[in-house]
mmCIF file of all heavy atoms, coordinates in Angstrom:
data_MODEL
# 
_entry.id   MODEL 
# 
loop_
_atom_site.group_PDB 
_atom_site.id 
_atom_site.type_symbol 
_atom_site.label_atom_id 
_atom_site.label_alt_id 
_atom_site.label_comp_id 
_atom_site.label_asym_id 
_atom_site.label_entity_id 
_atom_site.label_seq_id 
_atom_site.pdbx_PDB_ins_code 
_atom_site.Cartn_x 
_atom_site.Cartn_y 
_atom_site.Cartn_z 
_atom_site.occupancy 
_atom_site.B_iso_or_equiv 
_atom_site.pdbx_formal_charge 
_atom_site.auth_seq_id 
_atom_site.auth_comp_id 
_atom_site.auth_asym_id 
_atom_site.auth_atom_id 
_atom_site.pdbx_PDB_model_num 
ATOM 1   N N   . SER A 1 1  ? 332.094 171.188 198.019 1.00 0.00 ? 1  SER A N   1 
ATOM 2   C CA  . SER A 1 1  ? 332.546 171.432 196.643 1.00 0.00 ? 1  SER A CA  1 
ATOM 3   C C   . SER A 1 1  ? 333.483 170.323 196.180 1.00 0.00 ? 1  SER A C   1 
ATOM 4   O O   . SER A 1 1  ? 333.400 169.853 195.044 1.00 0.00 ? 1  SER A O   1 
ATOM 5   C CB  . SER A 1 1  ? 333.262 172.782 196.554 1.00 0.00 ? 1  SER A CB  1 
ATOM 6   O OG  . SER A 1 1  ? 332.383 173.832 196.862 1.00 0.00 ? 1  SER A OG  1 
ATOM 7   N N   . ALA A 1 2  ? 334.383 169.917 197.073 1.00 0.00 ? 2  ALA A N   1 
ATOM 8   C CA  . ALA A 1 2  ? 335.321 168.847 196.724 1.00 0.00 ? 2  ALA A CA  1 
ATOM 9   C C   . ALA A 1 2  ? 334.591 167.535 196.480 1.00 0.00 ? 2  ALA A C   1 
ATOM 10  O O   . ALA A 1 2  ? 334.958 166.770 195.584 1.00 0.00 ? 2  ALA A O   1 
ATOM 11  C CB  . ALA A 1 2  ? 336.361 168.679 197.834 1.00 0.00 ? 2  ALA A CB  1 
ATOM 12  N N   . PHE A 1 3  ? 333.549 167.262 197.262 1.00 0.00 ? 3  PHE A N   1 
ATOM 13  C CA  . PHE A 1 3  ? 332.790 166.027 197.075 1.00 0.00 ? 3  PHE A CA  1 
ATOM 14  C C   . PHE A 1 3  ? 332.099 166.018 195.712 1.00 0.00 ? 3  PHE A C   1 
ATOM 15  O O   . PHE A 1 3  ? 332.117 165.018 195.000 1.00 0.00 ? 3  PHE A O   1 
ATOM 16  C CB  . PHE A 1 3  ? 331.770 165.837 198.196 1.00 0.00 ? 3  PHE A CB  1 
ATOM 17  C CG  . PHE A 1 3  ? 330.941 164.603 198.036 1.00 0.00 ? 3  PHE A CG  1 
ATOM 18  C CD1 . PHE A 1 3  ? 331.497 163.351 198.270 1.00 0.00 ? 3  PHE A CD1 1 
ATOM 19  C CD2 . PHE A 1 3  ? 329.623 164.677 197.638 1.00 0.00 ? 3  PHE A CD2 1 
ATOM 20  C CE1 . PHE A 1 3  ? 330.738 162.190 198.112 1.00 0.00 ? 3  PHE A CE1 1 
ATOM 21  C CE2 . PHE A 1 3  ? 328.860 163.532 197.474 1.00 0.00 ? 3  PHE A CE2 1 
ATOM 22  C CZ  . PHE A 1 3  ? 329.422 162.286 197.718 1.00 0.00 ? 3  PHE A CZ  1 
ATOM 23  N N   . PHE A 1 4  ? 331.496 167.155 195.350 1.00 0.00 ? 4  PHE A N   1 
ATOM 24  C CA  . PHE A 1 4  ? 330.865 167.216 194.036 1.00 0.00 ? 4  PHE A CA  1 
ATOM 25  C C   . PHE A 1 4  ? 331.907 167.142 192.925 1.00 0.00 ? 4  PHE A C   1 
ATOM 26  O O   . PHE A 1 4  ? 331.652 166.591 191.851 1.00 0.00 ? 4  PHE A O   1 
ATOM 27  C CB  . PHE A 1 4  ? 330.001 168.471 193.910 1.00 0.00 ? 4  PHE A CB  1 
ATOM 28  C CG  . PHE A 1 4  ? 328.695 168.347 194.635 1.00 0.00 ? 4  PHE A CG  1 
ATOM 29  C CD1 . PHE A 1 4  ? 328.473 169.026 195.823 1.00 0.00 ? 4  PHE A CD1 1 
ATOM 30  C CD2 . PHE A 1 4  ? 327.690 167.529 194.147 1.00 0.00 ? 4  PHE A CD2 1 
ATOM 31  C CE1 . PHE A 1 4  ? 327.278 168.898 196.503 1.00 0.00 ? 4  PHE A CE1 1 
ATOM 32  C CE2 . PHE A 1 4  ? 326.485 167.388 194.821 1.00 0.00 ? 4  PHE A CE2 1 
ATOM 33  C CZ  . PHE A 1 4  ? 326.272 168.073 196.009 1.00 0.00 ? 4  PHE A CZ  1 
ATOM 34  N N   . GLY A 1 5  ? 333.091 167.676 193.198 1.00 0.00 ? 5  GLY A N   1 
ATOM 35  C CA  . GLY A 1 5  ? 334.189 167.508 192.245 1.00 0.00 ? 5  GLY A CA  1 
ATOM 36  C C   . GLY A 1 5  ? 334.553 166.042 192.076 1.00 0.00 ? 5  GLY A C   1 
ATOM 37  O O   . GLY A 1 5  ? 334.838 165.581 190.964 1.00 0.00 ? 5  GLY A O   1 
ATOM 38  N N   . LEU A 1 6  ? 334.545 165.296 193.185 1.00 0.00 ? 6  LEU A N   1 
ATOM 39  C CA  . LEU A 1 6  ? 334.807 163.856 193.107 1.00 0.00 ? 6  LEU A CA  1 
ATOM 40  C C   . LEU A 1 6  ? 333.744 163.158 192.262 1.00 0.00 ? 6  LEU A C   1 
ATOM 41  O O   . LEU A 1 6  ? 334.068 162.289 191.437 1.00 0.00 ? 6  LEU A O   1 
ATOM 42  C CB  . LEU A 1 6  ? 334.834 163.248 194.509 1.00 0.00 ? 6  LEU A CB  1 
ATOM 43  C CG  . LEU A 1 6  ? 334.895 161.717 194.542 1.00 0.00 ? 6  LEU A CG  1 
ATOM 44  C CD1 . LEU A 1 6  ? 336.247 161.225 194.049 1.00 0.00 ? 6  LEU A CD1 1 
ATOM 45  C CD2 . LEU A 1 6  ? 334.605 161.190 195.931 1.00 0.00 ? 6  LEU A CD2 1 
ATOM 46  N N   . LEU A 1 7  ? 332.474 163.526 192.454 1.00 0.00 ? 7  LEU A N   1 
ATOM 47  C CA  . LEU A 1 7  ? 331.410 162.906 191.663 1.00 0.00 ? 7  LEU A CA  1 
ATOM 48  C C   . LEU A 1 7  ? 331.622 163.163 190.171 1.00 0.00 ? 7  LEU A C   1 
ATOM 49  O O   . LEU A 1 7  ? 331.419 162.266 189.345 1.00 0.00 ? 7  LEU A O   1 
ATOM 50  C CB  . LEU A 1 7  ? 330.041 163.430 192.107 1.00 0.00 ? 7  LEU A CB  1 
ATOM 51  C CG  . LEU A 1 7  ? 329.612 163.070 193.542 1.00 0.00 ? 7  LEU A CG  1 
ATOM 52  C CD1 . LEU A 1 7  ? 328.220 163.625 193.822 1.00 0.00 ? 7  LEU A CD1 1 
ATOM 53  C CD2 . LEU A 1 7  ? 329.648 161.568 193.766 1.00 0.00 ? 7  LEU A CD2 1 
ATOM 54  N N   . ILE A 1 8  ? 332.040 164.377 189.822 1.00 0.00 ? 8  ILE A N   1 
ATOM 55  C CA  . ILE A 1 8  ? 332.315 164.690 188.418 1.00 0.00 ? 8  ILE A CA  1 
ATOM 56  C C   . ILE A 1 8  ? 333.504 163.876 187.929 1.00 0.00 ? 8  ILE A C   1 
ATOM 57  O O   . ILE A 1 8  ? 333.504 163.363 186.800 1.00 0.00 ? 8  ILE A O   1 
ATOM 58  C CB  . ILE A 1 8  ? 332.576 166.200 188.250 1.00 0.00 ? 8  ILE A CB  1 
ATOM 59  C CG1 . ILE A 1 8  ? 331.302 166.993 188.532 1.00 0.00 ? 8  ILE A CG1 1 
ATOM 60  C CG2 . ILE A 1 8  ? 333.109 166.509 186.856 1.00 0.00 ? 8  ILE A CG2 1 
ATOM 61  C CD1 . ILE A 1 8  ? 330.146 166.669 187.606 1.00 0.00 ? 8  ILE A CD1 1 
ATOM 62  N N   . THR A 1 9  ? 334.522 163.743 188.771 1.00 0.00 ? 9  THR A N   1 
ATOM 63  C CA  . THR A 1 9  ? 335.692 162.931 188.404 1.00 0.00 ? 9  THR A CA  1 
ATOM 64  C C   . THR A 1 9  ? 335.273 161.508 188.063 1.00 0.00 ? 9  THR A C   1 
ATOM 65  O O   . THR A 1 9  ? 335.674 160.949 187.038 1.00 0.00 ? 9  THR A O   1 
ATOM 66  C CB  . THR A 1 9  ? 336.711 162.907 189.563 1.00 0.00 ? 9  THR A CB  1 
ATOM 67  O OG1 . THR A 1 9  ? 337.140 164.241 189.832 1.00 0.00 ? 9  THR A OG1 1 
ATOM 68  C CG2 . THR A 1 9  ? 337.915 162.052 189.231 1.00 0.00 ? 9  THR A CG2 1 
ATOM 69  N N   . MET A 1 10 ? 334.439 160.930 188.926 1.00 0.00 ? 10 MET A N   1 
ATOM 70  C CA  . MET A 1 10 ? 333.989 159.555 188.699 1.00 0.00 ? 10 MET A CA  1 
ATOM 71  C C   . MET A 1 10 ? 333.114 159.454 187.459 1.00 0.00 ? 10 MET A C   1 
ATOM 72  O O   . MET A 1 10 ? 333.229 158.502 186.678 1.00 0.00 ? 10 MET A O   1 
ATOM 73  C CB  . MET A 1 10 ? 333.247 159.053 189.940 1.00 0.00 ? 10 MET A CB  1 
ATOM 74  C CG  . MET A 1 10 ? 334.130 158.940 191.168 1.00 0.00 ? 10 MET A CG  1 
ATOM 75  S SD  . MET A 1 10 ? 333.232 158.690 192.715 1.00 0.00 ? 10 MET A SD  1 
ATOM 76  C CE  . MET A 1 10 ? 332.452 157.123 192.417 1.00 0.00 ? 10 MET A CE  1 
ATOM 77  N N   . ALA A 1 11 ? 332.244 160.449 187.250 1.00 0.00 ? 11 ALA A N   1 
ATOM 78  C CA  . ALA A 1 11 ? 331.347 160.411 186.090 1.00 0.00 ? 11 ALA A CA  1 
ATOM 79  C C   . ALA A 1 11 ? 332.126 160.533 184.789 1.00 0.00 ? 11 ALA A C   1 
ATOM 80  O O   . ALA A 1 11 ? 331.895 159.766 183.844 1.00 0.00 ? 11 ALA A O   1 
ATOM 81  C CB  . ALA A 1 11 ? 330.315 161.534 186.195 1.00 0.00 ? 11 ALA A CB  1 
ATOM 82  N N   . VAL A 1 12 ? 333.069 161.476 184.736 1.00 0.00 ? 12 VAL A N   1 
ATOM 83  C CA  . VAL A 1 12 ? 333.870 161.650 183.515 1.00 0.00 ? 12 VAL A CA  1 
ATOM 84  C C   . VAL A 1 12 ? 334.698 160.397 183.256 1.00 0.00 ? 12 VAL A C   1 
ATOM 85  O O   . VAL A 1 12 ? 334.806 159.924 182.119 1.00 0.00 ? 12 VAL A O   1 
ATOM 86  C CB  . VAL A 1 12 ? 334.767 162.900 183.627 1.00 0.00 ? 12 VAL A CB  1 
ATOM 87  C CG1 . VAL A 1 12 ? 335.771 162.958 182.495 1.00 0.00 ? 12 VAL A CG1 1 
ATOM 88  C CG2 . VAL A 1 12 ? 333.917 164.160 183.638 1.00 0.00 ? 12 VAL A CG2 1 
ATOM 89  N N   . GLY A 1 13 ? 335.294 159.838 184.322 1.00 0.00 ? 13 GLY A N   1 
ATOM 90  C CA  . GLY A 1 13 ? 336.073 158.606 184.158 1.00 0.00 ? 13 GLY A CA  1 
ATOM 91  C C   . GLY A 1 13 ? 335.224 157.461 183.627 1.00 0.00 ? 13 GLY A C   1 
ATOM 92  O O   . GLY A 1 13 ? 335.654 156.711 182.748 1.00 0.00 ? 13 GLY A O   1 
ATOM 93  N N   . ALA A 1 14 ? 334.001 157.332 184.168 1.00 0.00 ? 14 ALA A N   1 
ATOM 94  C CA  . ALA A 1 14 ? 333.112 156.250 183.715 1.00 0.00 ? 14 ALA A CA  1 
ATOM 95  C C   . ALA A 1 14 ? 332.691 156.448 182.258 1.00 0.00 ? 14 ALA A C   1 
ATOM 96  O O   . ALA A 1 14 ? 332.678 155.493 181.469 1.00 0.00 ? 14 ALA A O   1 
ATOM 97  C CB  . ALA A 1 14 ? 331.889 156.181 184.617 1.00 0.00 ? 14 ALA A CB  1 
ATOM 98  N N   . ILE A 1 15 ? 332.369 157.691 181.894 1.00 0.00 ? 15 ILE A N   1 
ATOM 99  C CA  . ILE A 1 15 ? 331.933 157.958 180.514 1.00 0.00 ? 15 ILE A CA  1 
ATOM 100 C C   . ILE A 1 15 ? 333.063 157.693 179.535 1.00 0.00 ? 15 ILE A C   1 
ATOM 101 O O   . ILE A 1 15 ? 332.890 156.999 178.519 1.00 0.00 ? 15 ILE A O   1 
ATOM 102 C CB  . ILE A 1 15 ? 331.423 159.400 180.384 1.00 0.00 ? 15 ILE A CB  1 
ATOM 103 C CG1 . ILE A 1 15 ? 330.111 159.562 181.148 1.00 0.00 ? 15 ILE A CG1 1 
ATOM 104 C CG2 . ILE A 1 15 ? 331.251 159.791 178.917 1.00 0.00 ? 15 ILE A CG2 1 
ATOM 105 C CD1 . ILE A 1 15 ? 329.665 160.995 181.325 1.00 0.00 ? 15 ILE A CD1 1 
ATOM 106 N N   . LEU A 1 16 ? 334.250 158.245 179.822 1.00 0.00 ? 16 LEU A N   1 
ATOM 107 C CA  . LEU A 1 16 ? 335.381 158.050 178.903 1.00 0.00 ? 16 LEU A CA  1 
ATOM 108 C C   . LEU A 1 16 ? 335.821 156.591 178.873 1.00 0.00 ? 16 LEU A C   1 
ATOM 109 O O   . LEU A 1 16 ? 336.190 156.071 177.821 1.00 0.00 ? 16 LEU A O   1 
ATOM 110 C CB  . LEU A 1 16 ? 336.547 158.957 179.307 1.00 0.00 ? 16 LEU A CB  1 
ATOM 111 C CG  . LEU A 1 16 ? 336.295 160.459 179.163 1.00 0.00 ? 16 LEU A CG  1 
ATOM 112 C CD1 . LEU A 1 16 ? 337.526 161.251 179.611 1.00 0.00 ? 16 LEU A CD1 1 
ATOM 113 C CD2 . LEU A 1 16 ? 335.934 160.808 177.729 1.00 0.00 ? 16 LEU A CD2 1 
ATOM 114 N N   . GLY A 1 17 ? 335.778 155.913 180.036 1.00 0.00 ? 17 GLY A N   1 
ATOM 115 C CA  . GLY A 1 17 ? 336.114 154.491 180.059 1.00 0.00 ? 17 GLY A CA  1 
ATOM 116 C C   . GLY A 1 17 ? 335.132 153.669 179.233 1.00 0.00 ? 17 GLY A C   1 
ATOM 117 O O   . GLY A 1 17 ? 335.526 152.743 178.524 1.00 0.00 ? 17 GLY A O   1 
ATOM 118 N N   . GLY A 1 18 ? 333.852 154.035 179.335 1.00 0.00 ? 18 GLY A N   1 
ATOM 119 C CA  . GLY A 1 18 ? 332.840 153.348 178.521 1.00 0.00 ? 18 GLY A CA  1 
ATOM 120 C C   . GLY A 1 18 ? 333.054 153.561 177.037 1.00 0.00 ? 18 GLY A C   1 
ATOM 121 O O   . GLY A 1 18 ? 332.916 152.633 176.228 1.00 0.00 ? 18 GLY A O   1 
ATOM 122 N N   . LEU A 1 19 ? 333.410 154.801 176.657 1.00 0.00 ? 19 LEU A N   1 
ATOM 123 C CA  . LEU A 1 19 ? 333.696 155.085 175.247 1.00 0.00 ? 19 LEU A CA  1 
ATOM 124 C C   . LEU A 1 19 ? 334.908 154.300 174.756 1.00 0.00 ? 19 LEU A C   1 
ATOM 125 O O   . LEU A 1 19 ? 334.921 153.780 173.633 1.00 0.00 ? 19 LEU A O   1 
ATOM 126 C CB  . LEU A 1 19 ? 333.919 156.588 175.048 1.00 0.00 ? 19 LEU A CB  1 
ATOM 127 C CG  . LEU A 1 19 ? 332.680 157.476 175.206 1.00 0.00 ? 19 LEU A CG  1 
ATOM 128 C CD1 . LEU A 1 19 ? 333.077 158.946 175.115 1.00 0.00 ? 19 LEU A CD1 1 
ATOM 129 C CD2 . LEU A 1 19 ? 331.633 157.133 174.154 1.00 0.00 ? 19 LEU A CD2 1 
ATOM 130 N N   . LEU A 1 20 ? 335.931 154.203 175.612 1.00 0.00 ? 20 LEU A N   1 
ATOM 131 C CA  . LEU A 1 20 ? 337.122 153.423 175.239 1.00 0.00 ? 20 LEU A CA  1 
ATOM 132 C C   . LEU A 1 20 ? 336.766 151.953 175.054 1.00 0.00 ? 20 LEU A C   1 
ATOM 133 O O   . LEU A 1 20 ? 337.188 151.318 174.080 1.00 0.00 ? 20 LEU A O   1 
ATOM 134 C CB  . LEU A 1 20 ? 338.205 153.581 176.310 1.00 0.00 ? 20 LEU A CB  1 
ATOM 135 C CG  . LEU A 1 20 ? 339.489 152.781 176.096 1.00 0.00 ? 20 LEU A CG  1 
ATOM 136 C CD1 . LEU A 1 20 ? 340.218 153.260 174.839 1.00 0.00 ? 20 LEU A CD1 1 
ATOM 137 C CD2 . LEU A 1 20 ? 340.398 152.898 177.316 1.00 0.00 ? 20 LEU A CD2 1 
ATOM 138 N N   . ALA A 1 21 ? 335.971 151.421 175.986 1.00 0.00 ? 21 ALA A N   1 
ATOM 139 C CA  . ALA A 1 21 ? 335.564 150.019 175.880 1.00 0.00 ? 21 ALA A CA  1 
ATOM 140 C C   . ALA A 1 21 ? 334.712 149.787 174.636 1.00 0.00 ? 21 ALA A C   1 
ATOM 141 O O   . ALA A 1 21 ? 334.870 148.770 173.936 1.00 0.00 ? 21 ALA A O   1 
ATOM 142 C CB  . ALA A 1 21 ? 334.801 149.603 177.133 1.00 0.00 ? 21 ALA A CB  1 
ATOM 143 N N   . ALA A 1 22 ? 333.816 150.734 174.349 1.00 0.00 ? 22 ALA A N   1 
ATOM 144 C CA  . ALA A 1 22 ? 332.967 150.596 173.161 1.00 0.00 ? 22 ALA A CA  1 
ATOM 145 C C   . ALA A 1 22 ? 333.802 150.636 171.884 1.00 0.00 ? 22 ALA A C   1 
ATOM 146 O O   . ALA A 1 22 ? 333.563 149.863 170.944 1.00 0.00 ? 22 ALA A O   1 
ATOM 147 C CB  . ALA A 1 22 ? 331.916 151.700 173.134 1.00 0.00 ? 22 ALA A CB  1 
ATOM 148 N N   . ALA A 1 23 ? 334.800 151.523 171.850 1.00 0.00 ? 23 ALA A N   1 
ATOM 149 C CA  . ALA A 1 23 ? 335.677 151.600 170.677 1.00 0.00 ? 23 ALA A CA  1 
ATOM 150 C C   . ALA A 1 23 ? 336.456 150.299 170.509 1.00 0.00 ? 23 ALA A C   1 
ATOM 151 O O   . ALA A 1 23 ? 336.596 149.779 169.391 1.00 0.00 ? 23 ALA A O   1 
ATOM 152 C CB  . ALA A 1 23 ? 336.636 152.778 170.809 1.00 0.00 ? 23 ALA A CB  1 
ATOM 153 N N   . GLY A 1 24 ? 336.944 149.745 171.620 1.00 0.00 ? 24 GLY A N   1 
ATOM 154 C CA  . GLY A 1 24 ? 337.669 148.476 171.541 1.00 0.00 ? 24 GLY A CA  1 
ATOM 155 C C   . GLY A 1 24 ? 336.781 147.341 171.065 1.00 0.00 ? 24 GLY A C   1 
ATOM 156 O O   . GLY A 1 24 ? 337.193 146.504 170.259 1.00 0.00 ? 24 GLY A O   1 
# 
């Protein structure tokens, strides 16, 4: 469960980081 939580953490971070970069 923790590993899948890590995958979600990385996915959300990548998506939000991409949105921030796109906005910039």
